[in-house]
C-alpha atoms as a PDB file:
ATOM      1  CA  UNK A   1      -0.344  11.049 -15.971  1.00  0.00           C
ATOM      2  CA  UNK A   2       2.640  11.535 -12.788  1.00  0.00           C
ATOM      3  CA  UNK A   3       0.062  13.705 -10.934  1.00  0.00           C
ATOM      4  CA  UNK A   4      -2.278  10.134 -11.230  1.00  0.00           C
ATOM      5  CA  UNK A   5       0.141   7.646 -11.009  1.00  0.00           C
ATOM      6  CA  UNK A   6       1.186   9.463  -7.192  1.00  0.00           C
ATOM      7  CA  UNK A   7      -2.321   9.859  -6.130  1.00  0.00           C
ATOM      8  CA  UNK A   8      -2.770   5.852  -6.813  1.00  0.00           C
ATOM      9  CA  UNK A   9       0.284   5.097  -5.057  1.00  0.00           C
ATOM     10  CA  UNK A  10      -1.106   7.198  -2.077  1.00  0.00           C
ATOM     11  CA  UNK A  11      -4.841   5.429  -2.011  1.00  0.00           C
ATOM     12  CA  UNK A  12      -3.073   2.337  -2.163  1.00  0.00           C
ATOM     13  CA  UNK A  13      -0.397   2.551   0.942  1.00  0.00           C
ATOM     14  CA  UNK A  14      -3.294   4.053   2.588  1.00  0.00           C
ATOM     15  CA  UNK A  15      -5.701   1.513   2.448  1.00  0.00           C
ATOM     16  CA  UNK A  16      -3.429  -1.427   2.689  1.00  0.00           C
ATOM     17  CA  UNK A  17      -2.112   0.542   5.824  1.00  0.00           C
ATOM     18  CA  UNK A  18      -5.201   0.864   6.800  1.00  0.00           C
ATOM     19  CA  UNK A  19      -5.998  -2.637   6.715  1.00  0.00           C
ATOM     20  CA  UNK A  20      -2.928  -3.605   8.371  1.00  0.00           C
ATOM     21  CA  UNK A  21       0.011  -4.563   6.068  1.00  0.00           C
ATOM     22  CA  UNK A  22       3.525  -3.622   7.078  1.00  0.00           C
ATOM     23  CA  UNK A  23       5.695  -3.850   4.403  1.00  0.00           C
ATOM     24  CA  UNK A  24       9.167  -1.670   4.532  1.00  0.00           C
ATOM     25  CA  UNK A  25       8.834  -0.686   0.928  1.00  0.00           C
ATOM     26  CA  UNK A  26       5.116   0.850   1.376  1.00  0.00           C
ATOM     27  CA  UNK A  27       5.936   3.894   4.083  1.00  0.00           C
ATOM     28  CA  UNK A  28       9.198   4.999   1.624  1.00  0.00           C
ATOM     29  CA  UNK A  29       6.767   4.644  -1.734  1.00  0.00           C
ATOM     30  CA  UNK A  30       4.429   6.632  -0.162  1.00  0.00           C
ATOM     31  CA  UNK A  31       7.173   9.588   0.864  1.00  0.00           C
ATOM     32  CA  UNK A  32       7.749   9.025  -2.613  1.00  0.00           C
ATOM     33  CA  UNK A  33       4.568  10.026  -3.532  1.00  0.00           C
ATOM     34  CA  UNK A  34       3.828  12.619  -1.582  1.00  0.00           C
ATOM     35  CA  UNK A  35       6.874  14.665  -2.935  1.00  0.00           C
ATOM     36  CA  UNK A  36       6.021  13.868  -6.460  1.00  0.00           C
ATOM     37  CA  UNK A  37       2.582  15.753  -6.010  1.00  0.00           C
ATOM     38  CA  UNK A  38       3.999  18.636  -3.842  1.00  0.00           C
ATOM     39  CA  UNK A  39       6.815  18.902  -6.487  1.00  0.00           C
ATOM     40  CA  UNK A  40       4.552  18.460  -9.457  1.00  0.00           C
ATOM     41  CA  UNK A  41       7.730  15.723 -11.198  1.00  0.00           C
ATOM     42  CA  UNK A  42       7.427  12.529 -12.331  1.00  0.00           C
ATOM     43  CA  UNK A  43       7.014   9.396 -10.629  1.00  0.00           C
ATOM     44  CA  UNK A  44       7.903   5.678 -12.659  1.00  0.00           C
ATOM     45  CA  UNK A  45       4.910   4.194 -13.743  1.00  0.00           C
ATOM     46  CA  UNK A  46       7.026   1.238 -12.510  1.00  0.00           C
ATOM     47  CA  UNK A  47       6.490   2.245  -9.455  1.00  0.00           C
ATOM     48  CA  UNK A  48       2.512   1.508  -9.797  1.00  0.00           C
ATOM     49  CA  UNK A  49       3.434  -1.592 -11.887  1.00  0.00           C
ATOM     50  CA  UNK A  50       5.791  -2.501  -8.211  1.00  0.00           C
ATOM     51  CA  UNK A  51       3.136  -1.742  -6.253  1.00  0.00           C
ATOM     52  CA  UNK A  52       0.521  -3.629  -8.058  1.00  0.00           C
ATOM     53  CA  UNK A  53       2.376  -7.272  -8.355  1.00  0.00           C
ATOM     54  CA  UNK A  54       2.801  -6.566  -4.440  1.00  0.00           C
ATOM     55  CA  UNK A  55      -1.382  -6.023  -4.169  1.00  0.00           C
ATOM     56  CA  UNK A  56      -1.868  -9.054  -6.759  1.00  0.00           C
ATOM     57  CA  UNK A  57       0.208 -11.686  -4.427  1.00  0.00           C
ATOM     58  CA  UNK A  58      -1.061 -10.092  -0.779  1.00  0.00           C
ATOM     59  CA  UNK A  59      -2.965  -7.897  -0.773  1.00  0.00           C
ATOM     60  CA  UNK A  60      -7.195  -8.066   0.108  1.00  0.00           C
ATOM     61  CA  UNK A  61      -8.981  -9.542  -3.080  1.00  0.00           C
ATOM     62  CA  UNK A  62     -11.524  -6.490  -3.290  1.00  0.00           C
ATOM     63  CA  UNK A  63      -8.235  -4.150  -3.263  1.00  0.00           C
ATOM     64  CA  UNK A  64      -8.905  -1.982  -6.491  1.00  0.00           C
ATOM     65  CA  UNK A  65     -12.779  -1.988  -5.936  1.00  0.00           C
ATOM     66  CA  UNK A  66     -12.074  -0.956  -2.756  1.00  0.00           C
ATOM     67  CA  UNK A  67      -9.729   2.176  -3.922  1.00  0.00           C
ATOM     68  CA  UNK A  68     -11.652   3.084  -7.171  1.00  0.00           C
ATOM     69  CA  UNK A  69     -14.603   3.848  -5.245  1.00  0.00           C
ATOM     70  CA  UNK A  70     -12.881   6.780  -2.667  1.00  0.00           C
ATOM     71  CA  UNK A  71     -11.407   7.946  -5.897  1.00  0.00           C
ATOM     72  CA  UNK A  72     -12.516  11.788  -6.467  1.00  0.00           C
ATOM     73  CA  UNK A  73     -12.498  13.647  -9.521  1.00  0.00           C
ATOM     74  CA  UNK A  74     -10.671  16.261  -7.534  1.00  0.00           C
ATOM     75  CA  UNK A  75      -7.655  13.892  -7.792  1.00  0.00           C
ATOM     76  CA  UNK A  76      -7.513  14.630 -11.614  1.00  0.00           C
ATOM     77  CA  UNK A  77      -6.825  18.898 -10.729  1.00  0.00           C
ATOM     78  CA  UNK A  78      -8.426  21.369 -12.968  1.00  0.00           C
ATOM     79  CA  UNK A  79      -9.206  18.681 -15.455  1.00  0.00           C
ATOM     80  CA  UNK A  80     -11.455  17.290 -12.743  1.00  0.00           C
ATOM     81  CA  UNK A  81     -12.753  20.191 -12.406  1.00  0.00           C
ATOM     82  CA  UNK A  82     -13.173  21.538 -15.786  1.00  0.00           C
ATOM     83  CA  UNK A  83     -15.382  17.171 -15.790  1.00  0.00           C
ATOM     84  CA  UNK A  84     -17.436  18.740 -13.301  1.00  0.00           C
ATOM     85  CA  UNK A  85     -18.601  21.609 -14.256  1.00  0.00           C
ATOM     86  CA  UNK A  86     -19.660  20.990 -17.891  1.00  0.00           C
ATOM     87  CA  UNK A  87     -23.374  20.725 -18.085  1.00  0.00           C
ATOM     88  CA  UNK A  88     -24.295  17.167 -19.839  1.00  0.00           C
ATOM     89  CA  UNK A  89     -22.563  13.544 -19.075  1.00  0.00           C
ATOM     90  CA  UNK A  90     -21.537  13.544 -22.612  1.00  0.00           C
ATOM     91  CA  UNK A  91     -19.979  16.625 -22.948  1.00  0.00           C
ATOM     92  CA  UNK A  92     -18.234  16.181 -19.504  1.00  0.00           C
ATOM     93  CA  UNK A  93     -17.338  13.127 -21.258  1.00  0.00           C
ATOM     94  CA  UNK A  94     -15.454  14.714 -24.409  1.00  0.00           C
ATOM     95  CA  UNK A  95     -12.944  16.301 -21.812  1.00  0.00           C
ATOM     96  CA  UNK A  96     -12.276  13.156 -19.854  1.00  0.00           C
ATOM     97  CA  UNK A  97     -11.692  11.342 -23.387  1.00  0.00           C
ATOM     98  CA  UNK A  98      -9.195  14.491 -24.510  1.00  0.00           C
ATOM     99  CA  UNK A  99      -7.432  14.066 -20.687  1.00  0.00           C
ATOM    100  CA  UNK A 100      -7.066  10.098 -20.972  1.00  0.00           C
ATOM    101  CA  UNK A 101      -6.005   9.842 -24.686  1.00  0.00           C
ATOM    102  CA  UNK A 102      -1.838   8.542 -24.343  1.00  0.00           C
ATOM    103  CA  UNK A 103      -2.037   9.417 -20.604  1.00  0.00           C
ATOM    104  CA  UNK A 104      -3.382   6.260 -19.309  1.00  0.00           C
ATOM    105  CA  UNK A 105      -0.201   3.248 -19.614  1.00  0.00           C
ATOM    106  CA  UNK A 106      -2.743   1.019 -18.050  1.00  0.00           C
ATOM    107  CA  UNK A 107      -5.938   1.377 -19.248  1.00  0.00           C
ATOM    108  CA  UNK A 108      -7.393   1.870 -22.690  1.00  0.00           C
ATOM    109  CA  UNK A 109     -10.920   3.045 -22.420  1.00  0.00           C
ATOM    110  CA  UNK A 110     -12.964   3.087 -25.840  1.00  0.00           C
ATOM    111  CA  UNK A 111     -16.781   4.838 -25.954  1.00  0.00           C
ATOM    112  CA  UNK A 112     -19.306   4.136 -28.577  1.00  0.00           C
ATOM    113  CA  UNK A 113     -23.008   4.456 -28.525  1.00  0.00           C
ATOM    114  CA  UNK A 114     -25.036   1.851 -31.007  1.00  0.00           C
ATOM    115  CA  UNK A 115     -28.693   0.636 -31.043  1.00  0.00           C
ATOM    116  CA  UNK A 116     -29.693   2.896 -28.311  1.00  0.00           C
ATOM    117  CA  UNK A 117     -26.484   1.728 -25.911  1.00  0.00           C
ATOM    118  CA  UNK A 118     -23.798   3.637 -24.532  1.00  0.00           C
ATOM    119  CA  UNK A 119     -20.925   0.992 -24.168  1.00  0.00           C
ATOM    120  CA  UNK A 120     -17.361   1.383 -21.882  1.00  0.00           C
ATOM    121  CA  UNK A 121     -15.386  -1.087 -23.464  1.00  0.00           C
ATOM    122  CA  UNK A 122     -12.152  -1.168 -21.115  1.00  0.00           C
ATOM    123  CA  UNK A 123      -8.994  -3.081 -22.341  1.00  0.00           C
ATOM    124  CA  UNK A 124      -5.767  -3.505 -20.071  1.00  0.00           C
ATOM    125  CA  UNK A 125      -2.346  -2.998 -21.805  1.00  0.00           C
ATOM    126  CA  UNK A 126      -0.577  -5.804 -23.156  1.00  0.00           C
ATOM    127  CA  UNK A 127       1.467  -7.968 -21.405  1.00  0.00           C
ATOM    128  CA  UNK A 128      -0.151  -6.929 -18.066  1.00  0.00           C
ATOM    129  CA  UNK A 129      -0.474 -10.518 -15.680  1.00  0.00           C
ATOM    130  CA  UNK A 130      -3.684 -11.844 -15.059  1.00  0.00           C
ATOM    131  CA  UNK A 131      -4.244 -10.334 -11.721  1.00  0.00           C
ATOM    132  CA  UNK A 132      -2.670  -7.576 -12.373  1.00  0.00           C
ATOM    133  CA  UNK A 133      -5.034  -6.732 -15.256  1.00  0.00           C
ATOM    134  CA  UNK A 134      -8.286  -7.558 -12.932  1.00  0.00           C
ATOM    135  CA  UNK A 135      -6.992  -5.372 -10.671  1.00  0.00           C
ATOM    136  CA  UNK A 136      -6.736  -2.101 -12.554  1.00  0.00           C
ATOM    137  CA  UNK A 137      -9.802  -2.978 -14.728  1.00  0.00           C
ATOM    138  CA  UNK A 138     -12.199  -3.311 -11.315  1.00  0.00           C
ATOM    139  CA  UNK A 139     -10.222   0.335  -9.915  1.00  0.00           C
ATOM    140  CA  UNK A 140     -10.850   1.539 -12.991  1.00  0.00           C
ATOM    141  CA  UNK A 141     -14.680   0.851 -12.950  1.00  0.00           C
ATOM    142  CA  UNK A 142     -15.255   1.574  -9.314  1.00  0.00           C
ATOM    143  CA  UNK A 143     -13.777   5.186 -10.266  1.00  0.00           C
ATOM    144  CA  UNK A 144     -15.684   5.485 -12.582  1.00  0.00           C
ATOM    145  CA  UNK A 145     -19.587   4.668 -10.659  1.00  0.00           C
ATOM    146  CA  UNK A 146     -17.813   6.884  -8.071  1.00  0.00           C
ATOM    147  CA  UNK A 147     -17.289   9.676 -10.536  1.00  0.00           C
ATOM    148  CA  UNK A 148     -20.950   9.792 -11.911  1.00  0.00           C
ATOM    149  CA  UNK A 149     -22.408   9.253  -8.429  1.00  0.00           C
ATOM    150  CA  UNK A 150     -20.326  12.564  -7.799  1.00  0.00           C
ATOM    151  CA  UNK A 151     -21.458  14.706 -10.595  1.00  0.00           C
ATOM    152  CA  UNK A 152     -25.170  13.067 -11.057  1.00  0.00           C
ATOM    153  CA  UNK A 153     -26.028  11.668  -7.429  1.00  0.00           C
ATOM    154  CA  UNK A 154     -27.346   8.370  -9.567  1.00  0.00           C
ATOM    155  CA  UNK A 155     -25.804   5.828  -7.230  1.00  0.00           C
ATOM    156  CA  UNK A 156     -27.292   2.951  -8.888  1.00  0.00           C
ATOM    157  CA  UNK A 157     -27.393   3.421 -12.930  1.00  0.00           C
ATOM    158  CA  UNK A 158     -29.400   1.285 -15.709  1.00  0.00           C
ATOM    159  CA  UNK A 159     -25.924  -0.636 -16.604  1.00  0.00           C
ATOM    160  CA  UNK A 160     -24.529  -4.013 -17.331  1.00  0.00           C
ATOM    161  CA  UNK A 161     -21.541  -4.879 -16.381  1.00  0.00           C
ATOM    162  CA  UNK A 162     -19.348  -7.374 -17.995  1.00  0.00           C
ATOM    163  CA  UNK A 163     -15.990  -8.618 -17.458  1.00  0.00           C
ATOM    164  CA  UNK A 164     -13.997 -11.545 -19.411  1.00  0.00           C
ATOM    165  CA  UNK A 165     -12.791 -13.279 -15.851  1.00  0.00           C
ATOM    166  CA  UNK A 166     -14.500 -15.271 -13.508  1.00  0.00           C
ATOM    167  CA  UNK A 167     -15.172 -13.811  -9.715  1.00  0.00           C
ATOM    168  CA  UNK A 168     -13.009 -14.007  -7.404  1.00  0.00           C
ATOM    169  CA  UNK A 169     -13.910 -16.100  -4.393  1.00  0.00           C
ATOM    170  CA  UNK A 170     -14.504 -14.247  -1.132  1.00  0.00           C
ATOM    171  CA  UNK A 171     -15.102 -10.767  -3.026  1.00  0.00           C
ATOM    172  CA  UNK A 172     -18.662  -9.241  -2.419  1.00  0.00           C
ATOM    173  CA  UNK A 173     -19.083  -7.121  -5.638  1.00  0.00           C
ATOM    174  CA  UNK A 174     -22.294  -5.912  -5.204  1.00  0.00           C
ATOM    175  CA  UNK A 175     -20.983  -4.028  -2.006  1.00  0.00           C
ATOM    176  CA  UNK A 176     -19.024  -2.192  -4.600  1.00  0.00           C
ATOM    177  CA  UNK A 177     -20.713  -1.748  -7.835  1.00  0.00           C
ATOM    178  CA  UNK A 178     -24.312  -0.773  -8.784  1.00  0.00           C
ATOM    179  CA  UNK A 179     -25.007  -4.259 -10.340  1.00  0.00           C
ATOM    180  CA  UNK A 180     -23.941  -8.349 -10.611  1.00  0.00           C
ATOM    181  CA  UNK A 181     -21.099  -8.065 -13.006  1.00  0.00           C
ATOM    182  CA  UNK A 182     -21.592 -11.136 -15.415  1.00  0.00           C
ATOM    183  CA  UNK A 183     -18.377 -13.191 -15.213  1.00  0.00           C
ATOM    184  CA  UNK A 184     -16.814 -14.668 -18.399  1.00  0.00           C
ATOM    185  CA  UNK A 185     -17.637 -12.732 -21.296  1.00  0.00           C
ATOM    186  CA  UNK A 186     -15.950 -11.926 -24.000  1.00  0.00           C
ATOM    187  CA  UNK A 187     -14.703  -8.286 -23.142  1.00  0.00           C
ATOM    188  CA  UNK A 188     -14.443  -6.039 -20.090  1.00  0.00           C
ATOM    189  CA  UNK A 189     -17.667  -3.474 -20.430  1.00  0.00           C
ATOM    190  CA  UNK A 190     -20.566  -1.280 -18.807  1.00  0.00           C
ATOM    191  CA  UNK A 191     -23.615  -0.672 -21.098  1.00  0.00           C
ATOM    192  CA  UNK A 192     -25.695   2.200 -20.591  1.00  0.00           C
ATOM    193  CA  UNK A 193     -28.803   3.333 -21.964  1.00  0.00           C
ATOM    194  CA  UNK A 194     -27.687   6.070 -24.552  1.00  0.00           C
ATOM    195  CA  UNK A 195     -29.871   8.311 -22.890  1.00  0.00           C
ATOM    196  CA  UNK A 196     -28.175   9.106 -20.118  1.00  0.00           C
ATOM    197  CA  UNK A 197     -25.534  10.988 -21.873  1.00  0.00           C
ATOM    198  CA  UNK A 198     -27.774  13.930 -21.800  1.00  0.00           C
ATOM    199  CA  UNK A 199     -28.175  13.405 -18.061  1.00  0.00           C
ATOM    200  CA  UNK A 200     -27.456  17.419 -16.369  1.00  0.00           C
ATOM    201  CA  UNK A 201     -24.716  17.563 -13.968  1.00  0.00           C
ATOM    202  CA  UNK A 202     -25.793  18.519 -10.797  1.00  0.00           C
ATOM    203  CA  UNK A 203     -22.518  20.564 -10.404  1.00  0.00           C
ATOM    204  CA  UNK A 204     -22.495  22.042 -13.549  1.00  0.00           C
ATOM    205  CA  UNK A 205     -21.494  25.459 -13.625  1.00  0.00           C
ATOM    206  CA  UNK A 206     -21.006  27.785 -16.787  1.00  0.00           C
ATOM    207  CA  UNK A 207     -18.907  30.279 -15.688  1.00  0.00           C
ATOM    208  CA  UNK A 208     -16.512  28.481 -13.668  1.00  0.00           C
ATOM    209  CA  UNK A 209     -15.639  25.923 -16.643  1.00  0.00           C
ATOM    210  CA  UNK A 210     -15.597  29.197 -18.394  1.00  0.00           C
ATOM    211  CA  UNK A 211     -12.900  29.929 -16.642  1.00  0.00           C
ATOM    212  CA  UNK A 212     -11.097  27.072 -16.268  1.00  0.00           C
ATOM    213  CA  UNK A 213     -10.579  27.008 -20.190  1.00  0.00           C
ATOM    214  CA  UNK A 214      -9.540  30.593 -20.696  1.00  0.00           C
ATOM    215  CA  UNK A 215      -7.026  30.229 -17.821  1.00  0.00           C
ATOM    216  CA  UNK A 216      -6.290  26.170 -17.527  1.00  0.00           C
ATOM    217  CA  UNK A 217      -2.512  26.907 -18.822  1.00  0.00           C
ATOM    218  CA  UNK A 218      -2.094  29.963 -16.221  1.00  0.00           C
ATOM    219  CA  UNK A 219      -2.068  26.833 -13.399  1.00  0.00           C
ATOM    220  CA  UNK A 220       0.079  24.507 -14.453  1.00  0.00           C
ATOM    221  CA  UNK A 221       0.456  20.998 -12.013  1.00  0.00           C
ATOM    222  CA  UNK A 222       3.460  19.429 -13.430  1.00  0.00           C
ATOM    223  CA  UNK A 223       7.081  20.605 -14.232  1.00  0.00           C
ATOM    224  CA  UNK A 224       7.146  18.737 -17.281  1.00  0.00           C
ATOM    225  CA  UNK A 225       6.650  21.246 -20.448  1.00  0.00           C
ATOM    226  CA  UNK A 226       5.417  18.403 -22.333  1.00  0.00           C
ATOM    227  CA  UNK A 227       2.551  17.582 -20.266  1.00  0.00           C
ATOM    228  CA  UNK A 228       2.108  21.528 -19.702  1.00  0.00           C
ATOM    229  CA  UNK A 229       1.287  21.485 -23.254  1.00  0.00           C
ATOM    230  CA  UNK A 230      -0.521  18.349 -23.164  1.00  0.00           C
ATOM    231  CA  UNK A 231      -2.961  19.404 -21.001  1.00  0.00           C
ATOM    232  CA  UNK A 232      -3.643  22.732 -22.831  1.00  0.00           C
ATOM    233  CA  UNK A 233      -4.533  21.118 -25.783  1.00  0.00           C
ATOM    234  CA  UNK A 234      -7.043  19.020 -23.800  1.00  0.00           C
ATOM    235  CA  UNK A 235      -8.796  21.999 -22.971  1.00  0.00           C
ATOM    236  CA  UNK A 236      -8.961  23.959 -26.035  1.00  0.00           C
ATOM    237  CA  UNK A 237      -9.760  21.999 -28.505  1.00  0.00           C
ATOM    238  CA  UNK A 238     -11.986  23.527 -31.187  1.00  0.00           C
ATOM    239  CA  UNK A 239      -9.562  26.434 -31.610  1.00  0.00           C
ATOM    240  CA  UNK A 240      -6.904  26.648 -34.076  1.00  0.00           C
ATOM    241  CA  UNK A 241      -3.778  25.619 -32.216  1.00  0.00           C
ATOM    242  CA  UNK A 242      -0.470  27.100 -32.508  1.00  0.00           C
ATOM    243  CA  UNK A 243       2.895  27.355 -30.755  1.00  0.00           C
ATOM    244  CA  UNK A 244       2.856  30.765 -29.924  1.00  0.00           C
ATOM    245  CA  UNK A 245      -0.493  31.019 -27.996  1.00  0.00           C
ATOM    246  CA  UNK A 246       0.416  27.424 -26.212  1.00  0.00           C
ATOM    247  CA  UNK A 247       3.461  29.381 -25.034  1.00  0.00           C
ATOM    248  CA  UNK A 248       1.736  32.573 -23.983  1.00  0.00           C
ATOM    249  CA  UNK A 249      -0.993  30.390 -22.091  1.00  0.00           C
ATOM    250  CA  UNK A 250       2.039  28.791 -20.112  1.00  0.00           C
ATOM    251  CA  UNK A 251       3.742  31.570 -19.217  1.00  0.00           C
ATOM    252  CA  UNK A 252       6.794  31.622 -21.402  1.00  0.00           C
ATOM    253  CA  UNK A 253       8.099  32.850 -24.671  1.00  0.00           C
ATOM    254  CA  UNK A 254       7.508  30.866 -27.816  1.00  0.00           C
ATOM    255  CA  UNK A 255      11.599  30.061 -28.066  1.00  0.00           C
ATOM    256  CA  UNK A 256      11.804  28.606 -24.579  1.00  0.00           C
ATOM    257  CA  UNK A 257       9.047  26.359 -24.922  1.00  0.00           C
ATOM    258  CA  UNK A 258      10.353  24.779 -28.239  1.00  0.00           C
ATOM    259  CA  UNK A 259      13.758  24.715 -26.820  1.00  0.00           C
ATOM    260  CA  UNK A 260      12.143  23.149 -23.387  1.00  0.00           C
ATOM    261  CA  UNK A 261       9.830  20.193 -25.275  1.00  0.00           C
ATOM    262  CA  UNK A 262      13.567  19.555 -27.437  1.00  0.00           C
ATOM    263  CA  UNK A 263      15.382  19.057 -24.045  1.00  0.00           C
ATOM    264  CA  UNK A 264      12.333  16.480 -23.030  1.00  0.00           C
ATOM    265  CA  UNK A 265      12.708  14.756 -26.096  1.00  0.00           C
ATOM    266  CA  UNK A 266       9.743  16.175 -27.879  1.00  0.00           C
ATOM    267  CA  UNK A 267       7.991  18.514 -30.390  1.00  0.00           C
ATOM    268  CA  UNK A 268       5.328  20.790 -30.532  1.00  0.00           C
ATOM    269  CA  UNK A 269       4.160  19.224 -33.955  1.00  0.00           C
ATOM    270  CA  UNK A 270       4.451  15.617 -32.098  1.00  0.00           C
ATOM    271  CA  UNK A 271       2.582  16.119 -28.991  1.00  0.00           C
ATOM    272  CA  UNK A 272      -0.303  18.076 -31.138  1.00  0.00           C
ATOM    273  CA  UNK A 273      -0.250  15.298 -33.686  1.00  0.00           C
ATOM    274  CA  UNK A 274      -0.290  12.740 -30.681  1.00  0.00           C
ATOM    275  CA  UNK A 275      -3.687  14.726 -28.678  1.00  0.00           C
ATOM    276  CA  UNK A 276      -5.324  14.990 -32.020  1.00  0.00           C
ATOM    277  CA  UNK A 277      -5.104  11.106 -33.020  1.00  0.00           C
ATOM    278  CA  UNK A 278      -5.796  10.005 -29.684  1.00  0.00           C
ATOM    279  CA  UNK A 279      -9.176  12.491 -29.575  1.00  0.00           C
ATOM    280  CA  UNK A 280     -10.025  11.283 -32.794  1.00  0.00           C
ATOM    281  CA  UNK A 281     -10.292   8.108 -32.589  1.00  0.00           C
ATOM    282  CA  UNK A 282     -12.027   8.299 -29.796  1.00  0.00           C
ATOM    283  CA  UNK A 283     -14.783  10.477 -31.738  1.00  0.00           C
ATOM    284  CA  UNK A 284     -14.765   8.686 -34.322  1.00  0.00           C
ATOM    285  CA  UNK A 285     -15.447   5.663 -31.752  1.00  0.00           C
ATOM    286  CA  UNK A 286     -18.332   7.209 -30.242  1.00  0.00           C
ATOM    287  CA  UNK A 287     -20.067   7.615 -33.252  1.00  0.00           C
ATOM    288  CA  UNK A 288     -21.997  10.559 -32.709  1.00  0.00           C
ATOM    289  CA  UNK A 289     -20.157  13.558 -34.779  1.00  0.00           C
ATOM    290  CA  UNK A 290     -19.356  13.335 -38.733  1.00  0.00           C
ATOM    291  CA  UNK A 291     -16.207  14.371 -40.531  1.00  0.00           C
ATOM    292  CA  UNK A 292     -16.841  17.754 -41.264  1.00  0.00           C
ATOM    293  CA  UNK A 293     -17.530  17.866 -36.946  1.00  0.00           C
ATOM    294  CA  UNK A 294     -14.508  15.816 -35.509  1.00  0.00           C
ATOM    295  CA  UNK A 295     -12.565  18.410 -37.887  1.00  0.00           C
ATOM    296  CA  UNK A 296     -13.852  21.450 -36.171  1.00  0.00           C
ATOM    297  CA  UNK A 297     -13.671  20.258 -32.421  1.00  0.00           C
ATOM    298  CA  UNK A 298      -9.932  18.869 -33.680  1.00  0.00           C
ATOM    299  CA  UNK A 299      -9.066  22.552 -34.368  1.00  0.00           C
ATOM    300  CA  UNK A 300      -8.294  21.884 -38.071  1.00  0.00           C
ATOM    301  CA  UNK A 301      -8.812  24.989 -40.651  1.00  0.00           C
ATOM    302  CA  UNK A 302     -10.170  22.038 -43.701  1.00  0.00           C
ATOM    303  CA  UNK A 303     -12.046  18.891 -43.926  1.00  0.00           C
ATOM    304  CA  UNK A 304      -9.241  17.895 -46.500  1.00  0.00           C
ATOM    305  CA  UNK A 305      -6.515  18.367 -44.118  1.00  0.00           C
ATOM    306  CA  UNK A 306      -8.408  15.896 -41.081  1.00  0.00           C
ATOM    307  CA  UNK A 307      -8.923  13.277 -43.717  1.00  0.00           C
ATOM    308  CA  UNK A 308      -5.187  13.160 -44.980  1.00  0.00           C
ATOM    309  CA  UNK A 309      -4.034  13.374 -41.671  1.00  0.00           C
ATOM    310  CA  UNK A 310      -7.072  10.252 -40.609  1.00  0.00           C
ATOM    311  CA  UNK A 311      -5.341   8.448 -43.231  1.00  0.00           C
ATOM    312  CA  UNK A 312      -1.893   8.826 -42.110  1.00  0.00           C
ATOM    313  CA  UNK A 313      -2.806   7.555 -38.448  1.00  0.00           C
ATOM    314  CA  UNK A 314      -5.076   4.940 -39.493  1.00  0.00           C
ATOM    315  CA  UNK A 315      -4.455   3.935 -43.100  1.00  0.00           C
ATOM    316  CA  UNK A 316      -8.160   4.369 -43.994  1.00  0.00           C
ATOM    317  CA  UNK A 317     -10.867   7.406 -44.597  1.00  0.00           C
ATOM    318  CA  UNK A 318     -12.794   7.842 -41.763  1.00  0.00           C
ATOM    319  CA  UNK A 319     -16.302   5.610 -43.128  1.00  0.00           C
ATOM    320  CA  UNK A 320     -13.878   3.132 -44.100  1.00  0.00           C
ATOM    321  CA  UNK A 321     -12.663   2.919 -40.737  1.00  0.00           C
ATOM    322  CA  UNK A 322     -15.994   3.092 -38.964  1.00  0.00           C
ATOM    323  CA  UNK A 323     -17.149   0.390 -41.652  1.00  0.00           C
ATOM    324  CA  UNK A 324     -14.580  -2.148 -40.992  1.00  0.00           C
ATOM    325  CA  UNK A 325     -14.738  -1.836 -36.811  1.00  0.00           C
ATOM    326  CA  UNK A 326     -18.550  -2.007 -36.921  1.00  0.00           C
ATOM    327  CA  UNK A 327     -18.533   1.474 -35.766  1.00  0.00           C
ATOM    328  CA  UNK A 328     -22.133   3.533 -37.155  1.00  0.00           C
ATOM    329  CA  UNK A 329     -22.674   7.001 -37.048  1.00  0.00           C
ATOM    330  CA  UNK A 330     -25.345   7.678 -34.836  1.00  0.00           C
ATOM    331  CA  UNK A 331     -27.507  10.321 -33.699  1.00  0.00           C
ATOM    332  CA  UNK A 332     -24.900  13.408 -35.462  1.00  0.00           C
ATOM    333  CA  UNK A 333     -25.051  16.433 -33.354  1.00  0.00           C
ATOM    334  CA  UNK A 334     -23.006  19.812 -33.455  1.00  0.00           C
ATOM    335  CA  UNK A 335     -20.237  20.344 -30.360  1.00  0.00           C
ATOM    336  CA  UNK A 336     -21.519  23.383 -28.012  1.00  0.00           C
ATOM    337  CA  UNK A 337     -18.833  24.776 -27.286  1.00  0.00           C
ATOM    338  CA  UNK A 338     -20.577  26.832 -24.544  1.00  0.00           C
ATOM    339  CA  UNK A 339     -20.557  22.997 -22.899  1.00  0.00           C
END
């Protein structure tokens, strides 16, 4: 989360400066974000919230769309390269789902396929002021379309954009988005044909993807051992995770990893459970994989173990949870581990 927050802050500050904003705190904030990125350390989420409050009060009305449209997958570091190296959009999405699970304090992104449609729903964090909700929603949507164009070269996809707020006067949405949004809807969401998930990526590189997956933990992007471990789990789903394996990939002893996690107020089992829960719910919402396939994707040794874990997380078995959420399982297929 820290690298993403720092990169976001630097992009917003750069755009404000280019547009002639000269608030004294902007220079200080940019310098702090630059140091945080260079040293791989955390920059508090509160800094980003303060910047968003400033943007809502005095920034350009289309600042979220502007900055989101300029984002590139490379800003996600090695995870971005893994996404871009995937074979299909669906395969890239699985990596993105795992990476985003529990890592974005501003939004929750939900994916599902239903009736031949691929639905992407954006829910902002509870308690955000209306203006900040609009800004973070528009930034994410613009970033999504920029990433989609980057990996598929599709700049005008067949999409329906629905937003749960009114259009802001003076904003040229057609400049930043591939379709005119439908405003005043119940939820913020994007609706595509499900066939788009089969789209082959122009940047697909099987050898590069395998290299990233194999050596990911040798190139840590943060000094936080909890974040290093979380990123290791993101790109090593499907293997039965062990503390010793994670420690070896991160480059420390098992004892050191356990001690450093304790110093950061967490444990291996807690982070593994959080990762599995977020990934499991994302895959369950998608509706394409069955219990056996989700269990394998999360590295459980038996379906019974996954069943117990899912009930502990949600209070319901997978089938009942999907039924209550109105999610039907469609188009089930095995996960291709070569992607």
